[in-house]
C-alpha atoms as a PDB file:
ATOM      1  CA  MET A   1       7.847 -91.519  -5.893  1.00  0.00           C
ATOM      2  CA  SER A   2      10.214 -91.544  -8.854  1.00  0.00           C
ATOM      3  CA  HIS A   3      12.424 -88.494  -9.260  1.00  0.00           C
ATOM      4  CA  HIS A   4      15.803 -87.395 -10.577  1.00  0.00           C
ATOM      5  CA  LEU A   5      16.478 -84.729  -7.936  1.00  0.00           C
ATOM      6  CA  SER A   6      18.484 -85.432  -4.810  1.00  0.00           C
ATOM      7  CA  PRO A   7      16.364 -85.880  -1.670  1.00  0.00           C
ATOM      8  CA  LEU A   8      17.562 -82.469  -0.436  1.00  0.00           C
ATOM      9  CA  SER A   9      16.740 -80.637  -3.691  1.00  0.00           C
ATOM     10  CA  LEU A  10      13.348 -82.296  -3.898  1.00  0.00           C
ATOM     11  CA  LEU A  11      12.558 -81.196  -0.344  1.00  0.00           C
ATOM     12  CA  LEU A  12      13.977 -77.656  -0.417  1.00  0.00           C
ATOM     13  CA  ASP A  13      12.158 -76.898  -3.693  1.00  0.00           C
ATOM     14  CA  ARG A  14       8.833 -77.500  -1.895  1.00  0.00           C
ATOM     15  CA  LEU A  15       9.497 -75.561   1.322  1.00  0.00           C
ATOM     16  CA  GLU A  16       8.972 -71.887   2.137  1.00  0.00           C
ATOM     17  CA  GLY A  17      11.289 -69.583   4.069  1.00  0.00           C
ATOM     18  CA  VAL A  18      14.359 -71.767   3.501  1.00  0.00           C
ATOM     19  CA  ARG A  19      17.565 -70.369   4.991  1.00  0.00           C
ATOM     20  CA  ALA A  20      21.006 -72.004   5.302  1.00  0.00           C
ATOM     21  CA  ILE A  21      22.276 -72.041   8.893  1.00  0.00           C
ATOM     22  CA  GLY A  22      25.458 -74.066   8.513  1.00  0.00           C
ATOM     23  CA  HIS A  23      27.200 -76.766   6.548  1.00  0.00           C
ATOM     24  CA  ASN A  24      24.456 -79.097   5.227  1.00  0.00           C
ATOM     25  CA  ARG A  25      21.903 -77.474   7.564  1.00  0.00           C
ATOM     26  CA  TRP A  26      18.846 -75.345   6.830  1.00  0.00           C
ATOM     27  CA  VAL A  27      15.704 -74.067   8.499  1.00  0.00           C
ATOM     28  CA  ALA A  28      12.319 -73.468   6.865  1.00  0.00           C
ATOM     29  CA  ARG A  29       8.680 -72.894   7.736  1.00  0.00           C
ATOM     30  CA  CYS A  30       7.048 -76.203   8.623  1.00  0.00           C
ATOM     31  CA  PRO A  31       4.460 -77.258   6.024  1.00  0.00           C
ATOM     32  CA  ALA A  32       2.534 -79.395   8.542  1.00  0.00           C
ATOM     33  CA  HIS A  33       1.333 -76.516  10.743  1.00  0.00           C
ATOM     34  CA  ASP A  34       0.681 -72.765  10.545  1.00  0.00           C
ATOM     35  CA  ASP A  35       4.297 -71.687  10.941  1.00  0.00           C
ATOM     36  CA  SER A  36       4.936 -67.950  11.198  1.00  0.00           C
ATOM     37  CA  HIS A  37       8.710 -68.379  11.596  1.00  0.00           C
ATOM     38  CA  PRO A  38      11.023 -71.250  10.594  1.00  0.00           C
ATOM     39  CA  SER A  39      10.659 -74.130  13.037  1.00  0.00           C
ATOM     40  CA  LEU A  40      11.699 -76.945  10.690  1.00  0.00           C
ATOM     41  CA  ALA A  41      15.336 -78.062  10.910  1.00  0.00           C
ATOM     42  CA  ILE A  42      16.761 -79.816   7.843  1.00  0.00           C
ATOM     43  CA  THR A  43      20.071 -81.685   7.790  1.00  0.00           C
ATOM     44  CA  GLU A  44      21.660 -83.470   4.848  1.00  0.00           C
ATOM     45  CA  LYS A  45      23.788 -86.438   5.887  1.00  0.00           C
ATOM     46  CA  ALA A  46      26.968 -87.475   4.038  1.00  0.00           C
ATOM     47  CA  ASN A  47      25.093 -90.367   2.383  1.00  0.00           C
ATOM     48  CA  GLY A  48      22.501 -87.952   0.904  1.00  0.00           C
ATOM     49  CA  SER A  49      19.753 -88.784   3.400  1.00  0.00           C
ATOM     50  CA  VAL A  50      17.741 -85.857   4.753  1.00  0.00           C
ATOM     51  CA  LEU A  51      16.814 -85.494   8.420  1.00  0.00           C
ATOM     52  CA  LEU A  52      13.840 -83.355   9.486  1.00  0.00           C
ATOM     53  CA  HIS A  53      12.835 -82.015  12.890  1.00  0.00           C
ATOM     54  CA  CYS A  54       9.947 -79.672  13.618  1.00  0.00           C
ATOM     55  CA  PHE A  55      10.474 -77.871  16.916  1.00  0.00           C
ATOM     56  CA  ALA A  56       6.681 -77.498  17.212  1.00  0.00           C
ATOM     57  CA  GLY A  57       6.427 -81.305  17.412  1.00  0.00           C
ATOM     58  CA  CYS A  58       5.093 -82.257  13.964  1.00  0.00           C
ATOM     59  CA  GLU A  59       5.733 -85.871  12.952  1.00  0.00           C
ATOM     60  CA  VAL A  60       8.080 -86.553  10.023  1.00  0.00           C
ATOM     61  CA  GLY A  61       5.290 -88.469   8.261  1.00  0.00           C
ATOM     62  CA  ASP A  62       3.044 -85.404   8.518  1.00  0.00           C
ATOM     63  CA  LEU A  63       5.843 -83.186   7.187  1.00  0.00           C
ATOM     64  CA  VAL A  64       6.475 -85.237   4.059  1.00  0.00           C
ATOM     65  CA  GLY A  65       2.742 -85.807   3.542  1.00  0.00           C
ATOM     66  CA  ALA A  66       2.110 -82.038   3.571  1.00  0.00           C
ATOM     67  CA  LEU A  67       4.647 -81.786   0.741  1.00  0.00           C
ATOM     68  CA  SER A  68       3.111 -84.700  -1.220  1.00  0.00           C
ATOM     69  CA  LEU A  69       6.246 -86.766  -0.617  1.00  0.00           C
ATOM     70  CA  ASP A  70       6.905 -90.177   0.927  1.00  0.00           C
ATOM     71  CA  LEU A  71       9.360 -91.016   3.706  1.00  0.00           C
ATOM     72  CA  SER A  72      11.429 -92.870   1.092  1.00  0.00           C
ATOM     73  CA  ASP A  73      11.971 -89.516  -0.680  1.00  0.00           C
ATOM     74  CA  LEU A  74      14.236 -88.499   2.235  1.00  0.00           C
ATOM     75  CA  PHE A  75      16.749 -91.163   1.171  1.00  0.00           C
ATOM     76  CA  PRO A  76      18.788 -91.451  -2.046  1.00  0.00           C
ATOM     77  CA  ALA A  77      17.524 -93.976  -4.583  1.00  0.00           C
ATOM     78  CA  ARG A  78      19.119 -97.379  -4.217  1.00  0.00           C
ATOM     79  CA  GLN A  79      20.955 -98.757  -7.198  1.00  0.00           C
ATOM     80  CA  SER A  80      19.650-102.031  -8.589  1.00  0.00           C
ATOM     81  CA  GLY A  81      20.578-104.455 -11.351  1.00  0.00           C
ATOM     82  CA  VAL A  82      17.727-103.212 -13.570  1.00  0.00           C
ATOM     83  CA  HIS A  83      17.891 -99.512 -14.457  1.00  0.00           C
ATOM     84  CA  GLY A  84      15.079 -97.530 -12.828  1.00  0.00           C
ATOM     85  CA  VAL A  85      13.506-100.515 -11.043  1.00  0.00           C
ATOM     86  CA  LYS A  86      13.791-100.873  -7.293  1.00  0.00           C
ATOM     87  CA  PRO A  87      13.823-104.359  -5.778  1.00  0.00           C
ATOM     88  CA  VAL A  88      10.643-105.417  -3.995  1.00  0.00           C
ATOM     89  CA  LYS A  89      10.948-104.815  -0.265  1.00  0.00           C
ATOM     90  CA  ARG A  90       9.519-107.647   1.757  1.00  0.00           C
ATOM     91  CA  ARG A  91      10.664-106.377   5.163  1.00  0.00           C
ATOM     92  CA  PHE A  92      13.036-103.841   6.654  1.00  0.00           C
ATOM     93  CA  SER A  93      16.715-104.543   6.185  1.00  0.00           C
ATOM     94  CA  ALA A  94      19.202-103.880   8.963  1.00  0.00           C
ATOM     95  CA  GLU A  95      20.440-100.877   6.939  1.00  0.00           C
ATOM     96  CA  GLN A  96      16.934 -99.385   6.811  1.00  0.00           C
ATOM     97  CA  VAL A  97      16.430 -99.925  10.531  1.00  0.00           C
ATOM     98  CA  LEU A  98      19.793 -98.273  11.276  1.00  0.00           C
ATOM     99  CA  GLN A  99      18.864 -95.284   9.072  1.00  0.00           C
ATOM    100  CA  ALA A 100      15.557 -94.913  10.932  1.00  0.00           C
ATOM    101  CA  VAL A 101      17.329 -95.189  14.296  1.00  0.00           C
ATOM    102  CA  ALA A 102      19.856 -92.571  13.157  1.00  0.00           C
ATOM    103  CA  LEU A 103      16.982 -90.211  12.318  1.00  0.00           C
ATOM    104  CA  GLU A 104      15.469 -90.777  15.746  1.00  0.00           C
ATOM    105  CA  LEU A 105      18.835 -90.173  17.458  1.00  0.00           C
ATOM    106  CA  ILE A 106      19.284 -86.873  15.614  1.00  0.00           C
ATOM    107  CA  GLU A 107      15.787 -85.814  16.647  1.00  0.00           C
ATOM    108  CA  VAL A 108      16.442 -86.809  20.272  1.00  0.00           C
ATOM    109  CA  THR A 109      19.709 -84.843  20.186  1.00  0.00           C
ATOM    110  CA  LEU A 110      17.924 -81.748  18.854  1.00  0.00           C
ATOM    111  CA  ILE A 111      15.195 -82.006  21.494  1.00  0.00           C
ATOM    112  CA  VAL A 112      17.660 -82.557  24.342  1.00  0.00           C
ATOM    113  CA  GLY A 113      19.662 -79.540  23.123  1.00  0.00           C
ATOM    114  CA  ALA A 114      16.514 -77.379  23.168  1.00  0.00           C
ATOM    115  CA  ILE A 115      15.677 -78.623  26.669  1.00  0.00           C
ATOM    116  CA  ALA A 116      19.218 -77.907  27.884  1.00  0.00           C
ATOM    117  CA  ARG A 117      19.125 -74.349  26.521  1.00  0.00           C
ATOM    118  CA  ARG A 118      15.743 -73.644  28.137  1.00  0.00           C
ATOM    119  CA  GLY A 119      16.229 -75.616  31.334  1.00  0.00           C
ATOM    120  CA  SER A 120      12.779 -77.237  31.071  1.00  0.00           C
ATOM    121  CA  VAL A 121      10.936 -79.801  28.983  1.00  0.00           C
ATOM    122  CA  THR A 122       7.620 -79.244  27.234  1.00  0.00           C
ATOM    123  CA  ARG A 123       4.882 -81.840  27.161  1.00  0.00           C
ATOM    124  CA  THR A 124       5.349 -82.241  23.403  1.00  0.00           C
ATOM    125  CA  GLU A 125       9.091 -82.833  23.822  1.00  0.00           C
ATOM    126  CA  ARG A 126       8.492 -85.379  26.596  1.00  0.00           C
ATOM    127  CA  GLU A 127       5.945 -87.240  24.441  1.00  0.00           C
ATOM    128  CA  ARG A 128       8.300 -87.178  21.433  1.00  0.00           C
ATOM    129  CA  LEU A 129      11.197 -88.531  23.502  1.00  0.00           C
ATOM    130  CA  LEU A 130       8.983 -91.364  24.802  1.00  0.00           C
ATOM    131  CA  GLN A 131       7.913 -92.076  21.215  1.00  0.00           C
ATOM    132  CA  SER A 132      11.573 -92.271  20.163  1.00  0.00           C
ATOM    133  CA  VAL A 133      12.288 -94.802  22.918  1.00  0.00           C
ATOM    134  CA  SER A 134       9.336 -96.858  21.696  1.00  0.00           C
ATOM    135  CA  ARG A 135      10.637 -96.694  18.114  1.00  0.00           C
ATOM    136  CA  PHE A 136      14.135 -97.737  19.240  1.00  0.00           C
ATOM    137  CA  MET A 137      12.634-100.781  20.905  1.00  0.00           C
ATOM    138  CA  ALA A 138      10.540-101.611  17.814  1.00  0.00           C
ATOM    139  CA  ALA A 139      13.597-101.200  15.568  1.00  0.00           C
ATOM    140  CA  GLU A 140      15.559-103.640  17.686  1.00  0.00           C
ATOM    141  CA  GLY A 141      12.784-106.201  17.305  1.00  0.00           C
ATOM    142  CA  SER A 142      12.471-105.704  13.528  1.00  0.00           C
ATOM    143  CA  THR A 143      15.993-106.952  12.860  1.00  0.00           C
ATOM    144  CA  HIS A 144      15.208-110.431  14.164  1.00  0.00           C
ATOM    145  CA  ASP A 145      13.727-113.207  12.032  1.00  0.00           C
END
């Protein structure tokens, strides 16, 4: 999707119940499920990338899809030699894999923090942690030729 807004502005403009909770951190109602109170955590990284975590367990792909966005909209546009034209992506670069792994690590950290505060793990959290491990392993394999 082509846009001139930052990933954060593009996202926050489409969410409901947005509230700042700290430096570069917000909460909002999750667009991917019937959310009566804010369960979506939003963090803007120093590089302009946006991290999302739904404490109800919604997938990031479902979150952006509910907002008519793409996963790529969570990252700043890459500069290229031709104005306004992105290079064709033939496979994931090491930088893209590291960004995806960083997103997974943030999500794991948020889940582990919730578990530590409660003293127990939910089935959804357990499944999401196992999914993160699987994605870490897939990311490691995607950097090889």
